[in-house]
Amino acid sequence: MKGNAVVTEHTSDSGAKQEEERAWFAIHTYSGYENKVKSHLEARISSMNMRNKIFRVIVPMEEEVEIKQGQRRTVQRKTFPGYVLVEMVMSDEAWYVVRNTPGVTSFVGSGTKPVPLQEHEIKSILKQVTKETEKPKAKISFSKGQSVRVIDGPFADFIGTVSDINMDRNKVTVLVSFFGRETPVVLDFLQVEKI
């Protein structure tokens, strides 16, 4: 999966104590309003002079390859629909700025106390967001045992049955009838479509 994100970073000359208090928080938003919340929050950070408390705002995105009407399309999808990630120093003032941003419904946490994301969680998310060399993730619409049509390669227009799906390699094994017997053929996800 090739990852992207809408990222904003605000830097400050704050001391080491503040650096230790930095944490990532997930904020819940109205679905479909993630980018609007990001831009509203950026404007509030700037206008309320909060660059020393709220550092980065991201909407994690990933690229996905879809096949519609035989055409391949790469589309951007939100990795976590309905959520925006914010790197900040939690204080009453910073909480107020984020919580009262239009489109924000709540912080993720128990009750009124926001819970920061764990370090391994945010490292994994940021790693996905900054990957530029990996192939886009293919969206599959078939499952094991289903009939599919091969749409690309030497077996184009053959119909077969899915016998195995390898998500790690984006490969599917299809049993096609070839010279009177079923032959397993390994193909990319994008070379087949559900019938």
C-alpha atoms as a PDB file:
ATOM      1  CA  MET A   1       0.000   0.000   0.000  1.00  0.00           C
ATOM      2  CA  LYS A   2       1.344   3.362  -0.887  1.00  0.00           C
ATOM      3  CA  GLY A   3       0.522   5.709   1.946  1.00  0.00           C
ATOM      4  CA  ASN A   4      -0.005   9.408   1.978  1.00  0.00           C
ATOM      5  CA  ALA A   5      -1.404  11.760   4.511  1.00  0.00           C
ATOM      6  CA  VAL A   6      -2.515  15.259   4.802  1.00  0.00           C
ATOM      7  CA  VAL A   7       0.121  16.461   7.286  1.00  0.00           C
ATOM      8  CA  THR A   8       0.694  19.768   9.001  1.00  0.00           C
ATOM      9  CA  GLU A   9       3.647  20.312  11.285  1.00  0.00           C
ATOM     10  CA  HIS A  10       4.112  23.254  13.600  1.00  0.00           C
ATOM     11  CA  THR A  11       7.482  23.641  15.265  1.00  0.00           C
ATOM     12  CA  SER A  12       8.416  25.610  18.321  1.00  0.00           C
ATOM     13  CA  ASP A  13      11.452  26.437  20.395  1.00  0.00           C
ATOM     14  CA  SER A  14       9.979  24.748  23.452  1.00  0.00           C
ATOM     15  CA  GLY A  15      12.114  23.117  26.126  1.00  0.00           C
ATOM     16  CA  ALA A  16      12.860  19.468  26.796  1.00  0.00           C
ATOM     17  CA  LYS A  17      10.124  19.194  29.446  1.00  0.00           C
ATOM     18  CA  GLN A  18       7.468  20.039  26.870  1.00  0.00           C
ATOM     19  CA  GLU A  19       9.063  17.616  24.396  1.00  0.00           C
ATOM     20  CA  GLU A  20       8.488  14.764  26.888  1.00  0.00           C
ATOM     21  CA  GLU A  21       4.816  15.663  27.238  1.00  0.00           C
ATOM     22  CA  ARG A  22       4.134  15.496  23.500  1.00  0.00           C
ATOM     23  CA  ALA A  23       1.735  12.743  22.557  1.00  0.00           C
ATOM     24  CA  TRP A  24      -0.493  11.721  19.679  1.00  0.00           C
ATOM     25  CA  PHE A  25      -4.247  11.760  20.175  1.00  0.00           C
ATOM     26  CA  ALA A  26      -7.051  10.546  17.930  1.00  0.00           C
ATOM     27  CA  ILE A  27     -10.024  12.837  17.561  1.00  0.00           C
ATOM     28  CA  HIS A  28     -13.371  11.620  16.326  1.00  0.00           C
ATOM     29  CA  THR A  29     -15.008  13.687  13.582  1.00  0.00           C
ATOM     30  CA  TYR A  30     -18.138  13.554  11.515  1.00  0.00           C
ATOM     31  CA  SER A  31     -17.510  11.038   8.737  1.00  0.00           C
ATOM     32  CA  GLY A  32     -16.430  12.760   5.538  1.00  0.00           C
ATOM     33  CA  TYR A  33     -15.352  15.918   7.388  1.00  0.00           C
ATOM     34  CA  GLU A  34     -11.794  14.830   8.226  1.00  0.00           C
ATOM     35  CA  ASN A  35     -10.064  17.245   5.821  1.00  0.00           C
ATOM     36  CA  LYS A  36     -12.364  20.116   6.830  1.00  0.00           C
ATOM     37  CA  VAL A  37     -11.601  19.446  10.501  1.00  0.00           C
ATOM     38  CA  LYS A  38      -7.891  19.436   9.661  1.00  0.00           C
ATOM     39  CA  SER A  39      -8.081  22.809   7.909  1.00  0.00           C
ATOM     40  CA  HIS A  40     -10.305  24.332  10.637  1.00  0.00           C
ATOM     41  CA  LEU A  41      -7.904  23.086  13.312  1.00  0.00           C
ATOM     42  CA  GLU A  42      -4.884  24.470  11.432  1.00  0.00           C
ATOM     43  CA  ALA A  43      -6.592  27.866  11.238  1.00  0.00           C
ATOM     44  CA  ARG A  44      -7.389  27.780  14.965  1.00  0.00           C
ATOM     45  CA  ILE A  45      -3.801  26.776  15.832  1.00  0.00           C
ATOM     46  CA  SER A  46      -2.545  29.762  13.889  1.00  0.00           C
ATOM     47  CA  SER A  47      -5.119  32.325  15.047  1.00  0.00           C
ATOM     48  CA  MET A  48      -4.961  31.265  18.710  1.00  0.00           C
ATOM     49  CA  ASN A  49      -1.144  31.050  18.704  1.00  0.00           C
ATOM     50  CA  MET A  50      -1.043  27.367  19.727  1.00  0.00           C
ATOM     51  CA  ARG A  51       1.975  26.277  17.661  1.00  0.00           C
ATOM     52  CA  ASN A  52       3.875  25.570  20.880  1.00  0.00           C
ATOM     53  CA  LYS A  53       1.152  23.155  22.081  1.00  0.00           C
ATOM     54  CA  ILE A  54      -0.293  21.578  18.910  1.00  0.00           C
ATOM     55  CA  PHE A  55       2.393  20.396  16.504  1.00  0.00           C
ATOM     56  CA  ARG A  56       0.999  18.149  13.779  1.00  0.00           C
ATOM     57  CA  VAL A  57      -2.415  17.323  12.373  1.00  0.00           C
ATOM     58  CA  ILE A  58      -2.745  14.371   9.990  1.00  0.00           C
ATOM     59  CA  VAL A  59      -5.476  12.592   8.084  1.00  0.00           C
ATOM     60  CA  PRO A  60      -3.841   9.238   7.178  1.00  0.00           C
ATOM     61  CA  MET A  61      -4.530   8.249   3.567  1.00  0.00           C
ATOM     62  CA  GLU A  62      -3.707   5.211   1.452  1.00  0.00           C
ATOM     63  CA  GLU A  63      -3.877   4.522  -2.252  1.00  0.00           C
ATOM     64  CA  GLU A  64      -6.031   1.687  -3.461  1.00  0.00           C
ATOM     65  CA  VAL A  65      -6.353   0.303  -6.981  1.00  0.00           C
ATOM     66  CA  GLU A  66      -9.911  -0.372  -8.141  1.00  0.00           C
ATOM     67  CA  ILE A  67     -11.170  -1.897 -11.341  1.00  0.00           C
ATOM     68  CA  LYS A  68     -14.390  -0.384 -12.630  1.00  0.00           C
ATOM     69  CA  GLN A  69     -15.760  -1.286 -16.051  1.00  0.00           C
ATOM     70  CA  GLY A  70     -12.435  -2.898 -16.967  1.00  0.00           C
ATOM     71  CA  GLN A  71     -10.418   0.249 -16.147  1.00  0.00           C
ATOM     72  CA  ARG A  72      -7.805   0.450 -13.399  1.00  0.00           C
ATOM     73  CA  ARG A  73      -8.074   3.500 -11.172  1.00  0.00           C
ATOM     74  CA  THR A  74      -5.933   4.546  -8.241  1.00  0.00           C
ATOM     75  CA  VAL A  75      -8.033   6.202  -5.561  1.00  0.00           C
ATOM     76  CA  GLN A  76      -7.164   7.844  -2.249  1.00  0.00           C
ATOM     77  CA  ARG A  77      -8.939   6.364   0.775  1.00  0.00           C
ATOM     78  CA  LYS A  78      -8.834   7.496   4.370  1.00  0.00           C
ATOM     79  CA  THR A  79      -7.067   4.872   6.461  1.00  0.00           C
ATOM     80  CA  PHE A  80      -9.232   5.707   9.498  1.00  0.00           C
ATOM     81  CA  PRO A  81     -12.515   7.255   8.310  1.00  0.00           C
ATOM     82  CA  GLY A  82     -13.984   9.553  10.938  1.00  0.00           C
ATOM     83  CA  TYR A  83     -10.666  10.193  12.707  1.00  0.00           C
ATOM     84  CA  VAL A  84      -7.922  12.821  12.625  1.00  0.00           C
ATOM     85  CA  LEU A  85      -4.612  12.406  14.475  1.00  0.00           C
ATOM     86  CA  VAL A  86      -3.110  15.300  16.419  1.00  0.00           C
ATOM     87  CA  GLU A  87       0.348  15.553  17.986  1.00  0.00           C
ATOM     88  CA  MET A  88       0.080  17.904  20.927  1.00  0.00           C
ATOM     89  CA  VAL A  89       0.924  18.685  24.530  1.00  0.00           C
ATOM     90  CA  MET A  90      -2.286  18.007  26.427  1.00  0.00           C
ATOM     91  CA  SER A  91      -3.358  21.011  28.459  1.00  0.00           C
ATOM     92  CA  ASP A  92      -6.741  22.531  29.229  1.00  0.00           C
ATOM     93  CA  GLU A  93      -6.119  25.243  26.635  1.00  0.00           C
ATOM     94  CA  ALA A  94      -4.999  22.814  23.885  1.00  0.00           C
ATOM     95  CA  TRP A  95      -7.882  20.453  24.704  1.00  0.00           C
ATOM     96  CA  TYR A  96     -10.330  23.364  24.379  1.00  0.00           C
ATOM     97  CA  VAL A  97      -8.897  24.466  21.002  1.00  0.00           C
ATOM     98  CA  VAL A  98      -9.120  20.958  19.515  1.00  0.00           C
ATOM     99  CA  ARG A  99     -12.416  19.923  21.123  1.00  0.00           C
ATOM    100  CA  ASN A 100     -14.221  23.090  20.008  1.00  0.00           C
ATOM    101  CA  THR A 101     -13.037  22.902  16.406  1.00  0.00           C
ATOM    102  CA  PRO A 102     -16.041  22.641  14.043  1.00  0.00           C
ATOM    103  CA  GLY A 103     -16.643  19.000  13.053  1.00  0.00           C
ATOM    104  CA  VAL A 104     -14.851  17.474  16.072  1.00  0.00           C
ATOM    105  CA  THR A 105     -17.190  15.259  18.089  1.00  0.00           C
ATOM    106  CA  SER A 106     -14.763  14.039  20.771  1.00  0.00           C
ATOM    107  CA  PHE A 107     -11.314  12.848  21.691  1.00  0.00           C
ATOM    108  CA  VAL A 108     -10.809   9.086  21.755  1.00  0.00           C
ATOM    109  CA  GLY A 109     -10.573   8.037  25.395  1.00  0.00           C
ATOM    110  CA  SER A 110     -12.598   7.232  28.447  1.00  0.00           C
ATOM    111  CA  GLY A 111     -15.180   9.853  29.324  1.00  0.00           C
ATOM    112  CA  THR A 112     -13.676  13.334  29.277  1.00  0.00           C
ATOM    113  CA  LYS A 113     -10.060  12.149  29.633  1.00  0.00           C
ATOM    114  CA  PRO A 114      -8.330  11.733  26.242  1.00  0.00           C
ATOM    115  CA  VAL A 115      -6.051   8.701  25.996  1.00  0.00           C
ATOM    116  CA  PRO A 116      -2.871   9.159  23.931  1.00  0.00           C
ATOM    117  CA  LEU A 117      -2.027   6.635  21.234  1.00  0.00           C
ATOM    118  CA  GLN A 118       0.650   4.147  22.225  1.00  0.00           C
ATOM    119  CA  GLU A 119       4.079   4.644  20.697  1.00  0.00           C
ATOM    120  CA  HIS A 120       3.986   1.414  18.654  1.00  0.00           C
ATOM    121  CA  GLU A 121       0.566   2.376  17.233  1.00  0.00           C
ATOM    122  CA  ILE A 122       1.651   5.818  16.050  1.00  0.00           C
ATOM    123  CA  LYS A 123       4.969   4.492  14.693  1.00  0.00           C
ATOM    124  CA  SER A 124       3.055   1.978  12.597  1.00  0.00           C
ATOM    125  CA  ILE A 125       0.649   4.660  11.320  1.00  0.00           C
ATOM    126  CA  LEU A 126       3.414   7.156  10.520  1.00  0.00           C
ATOM    127  CA  LYS A 127       5.418   4.416   8.785  1.00  0.00           C
ATOM    128  CA  GLN A 128       2.425   3.695   6.515  1.00  0.00           C
ATOM    129  CA  VAL A 129       1.885   7.394   5.883  1.00  0.00           C
ATOM    130  CA  THR A 130       5.479   8.055   4.841  1.00  0.00           C
ATOM    131  CA  LYS A 131       5.945   4.967   2.625  1.00  0.00           C
ATOM    132  CA  GLU A 132       6.296   6.107  -0.959  1.00  0.00           C
ATOM    133  CA  THR A 133       7.833   3.075  -2.678  1.00  0.00           C
ATOM    134  CA  GLU A 134       5.274   0.385  -1.953  1.00  0.00           C
ATOM    135  CA  LYS A 135       2.620  -0.565  -4.514  1.00  0.00           C
ATOM    136  CA  PRO A 136      -0.926   0.685  -3.968  1.00  0.00           C
ATOM    137  CA  LYS A 137      -3.167  -1.853  -2.256  1.00  0.00           C
ATOM    138  CA  ALA A 138      -5.513  -3.689  -4.595  1.00  0.00           C
ATOM    139  CA  LYS A 139      -9.164  -3.805  -3.647  1.00  0.00           C
ATOM    140  CA  ILE A 140     -10.479  -7.329  -4.083  1.00  0.00           C
ATOM    141  CA  SER A 141     -14.107  -8.193  -4.649  1.00  0.00           C
ATOM    142  CA  PHE A 142     -13.767 -11.973  -4.775  1.00  0.00           C
ATOM    143  CA  SER A 143     -13.197 -14.755  -2.272  1.00  0.00           C
ATOM    144  CA  LYS A 144     -12.002 -18.347  -2.200  1.00  0.00           C
ATOM    145  CA  GLY A 145     -14.293 -20.655  -4.194  1.00  0.00           C
ATOM    146  CA  GLN A 146     -15.820 -17.873  -6.322  1.00  0.00           C
ATOM    147  CA  SER A 147     -15.837 -17.847 -10.100  1.00  0.00           C
ATOM    148  CA  VAL A 148     -13.748 -15.123 -11.721  1.00  0.00           C
ATOM    149  CA  ARG A 149     -12.844 -14.000 -15.232  1.00  0.00           C
ATOM    150  CA  VAL A 150      -9.195 -13.407 -16.145  1.00  0.00           C
ATOM    151  CA  ILE A 151      -9.042  -9.950 -17.748  1.00  0.00           C
ATOM    152  CA  ASP A 152      -5.327  -9.553 -18.417  1.00  0.00           C
ATOM    153  CA  GLY A 153      -2.359 -11.653 -19.498  1.00  0.00           C
ATOM    154  CA  PRO A 154      -2.097 -14.859 -21.542  1.00  0.00           C
ATOM    155  CA  PHE A 155      -5.220 -16.341 -19.912  1.00  0.00           C
ATOM    156  CA  ALA A 156      -7.442 -13.313 -20.671  1.00  0.00           C
ATOM    157  CA  ASP A 157     -11.143 -14.242 -21.034  1.00  0.00           C
ATOM    158  CA  PHE A 158     -10.654 -17.587 -19.264  1.00  0.00           C
ATOM    159  CA  ILE A 159     -13.086 -18.316 -16.443  1.00  0.00           C
ATOM    160  CA  GLY A 160     -11.889 -20.108 -13.343  1.00  0.00           C
ATOM    161  CA  THR A 161     -12.374 -20.667  -9.637  1.00  0.00           C
ATOM    162  CA  VAL A 162     -10.333 -18.921  -6.936  1.00  0.00           C
ATOM    163  CA  SER A 163      -8.394 -21.555  -4.990  1.00  0.00           C
ATOM    164  CA  ASP A 164      -6.068 -19.324  -2.943  1.00  0.00           C
ATOM    165  CA  ILE A 165      -5.585 -15.639  -2.089  1.00  0.00           C
ATOM    166  CA  ASN A 166      -2.197 -14.278  -0.969  1.00  0.00           C
ATOM    167  CA  MET A 167      -2.855 -10.817   0.512  1.00  0.00           C
ATOM    168  CA  ASP A 168       0.844 -10.179   1.262  1.00  0.00           C
ATOM    169  CA  ARG A 169       1.886 -10.553  -2.373  1.00  0.00           C
ATOM    170  CA  ASN A 170      -1.373  -9.313  -3.983  1.00  0.00           C
ATOM    171  CA  LYS A 171      -1.665 -12.655  -5.814  1.00  0.00           C
ATOM    172  CA  VAL A 172      -4.555 -14.994  -6.440  1.00  0.00           C
ATOM    173  CA  THR A 173      -4.416 -18.626  -7.587  1.00  0.00           C
ATOM    174  CA  VAL A 174      -7.170 -19.448 -10.071  1.00  0.00           C
ATOM    175  CA  LEU A 175      -8.026 -22.930 -11.366  1.00  0.00           C
ATOM    176  CA  VAL A 176      -8.685 -22.551 -15.099  1.00  0.00           C
ATOM    177  CA  SER A 177      -9.811 -25.300 -17.452  1.00  0.00           C
ATOM    178  CA  PHE A 178      -6.936 -25.734 -19.875  1.00  0.00           C
ATOM    179  CA  PHE A 179      -6.669 -28.673 -22.327  1.00  0.00           C
ATOM    180  CA  GLY A 180      -9.509 -30.475 -20.567  1.00  0.00           C
ATOM    181  CA  ARG A 181      -8.213 -30.254 -17.012  1.00  0.00           C
ATOM    182  CA  GLU A 182      -8.006 -27.678 -14.242  1.00  0.00           C
ATOM    183  CA  THR A 183      -4.664 -25.915 -14.069  1.00  0.00           C
ATOM    184  CA  PRO A 184      -3.662 -23.564 -11.225  1.00  0.00           C
ATOM    185  CA  VAL A 185      -2.575 -20.143 -12.494  1.00  0.00           C
ATOM    186  CA  VAL A 186      -1.078 -17.489 -10.191  1.00  0.00           C
ATOM    187  CA  LEU A 187      -2.192 -13.972 -11.137  1.00  0.00           C
ATOM    188  CA  ASP A 188      -2.173 -10.446  -9.720  1.00  0.00           C
ATOM    189  CA  PHE A 189      -5.400  -9.295  -8.073  1.00  0.00           C
ATOM    190  CA  LEU A 190      -5.773  -6.783 -10.889  1.00  0.00           C
ATOM    191  CA  GLN A 191      -5.772  -9.499 -13.554  1.00  0.00           C
ATOM    192  CA  VAL A 192      -9.109 -10.990 -12.479  1.00  0.00           C
ATOM    193  CA  GLU A 193     -12.642  -9.772 -11.878  1.00  0.00           C
ATOM    194  CA  LYS A 194     -15.610 -11.328 -10.140  1.00  0.00           C
ATOM    195  CA  ILE A 195     -18.298 -12.699 -12.443  1.00  0.00           C
END
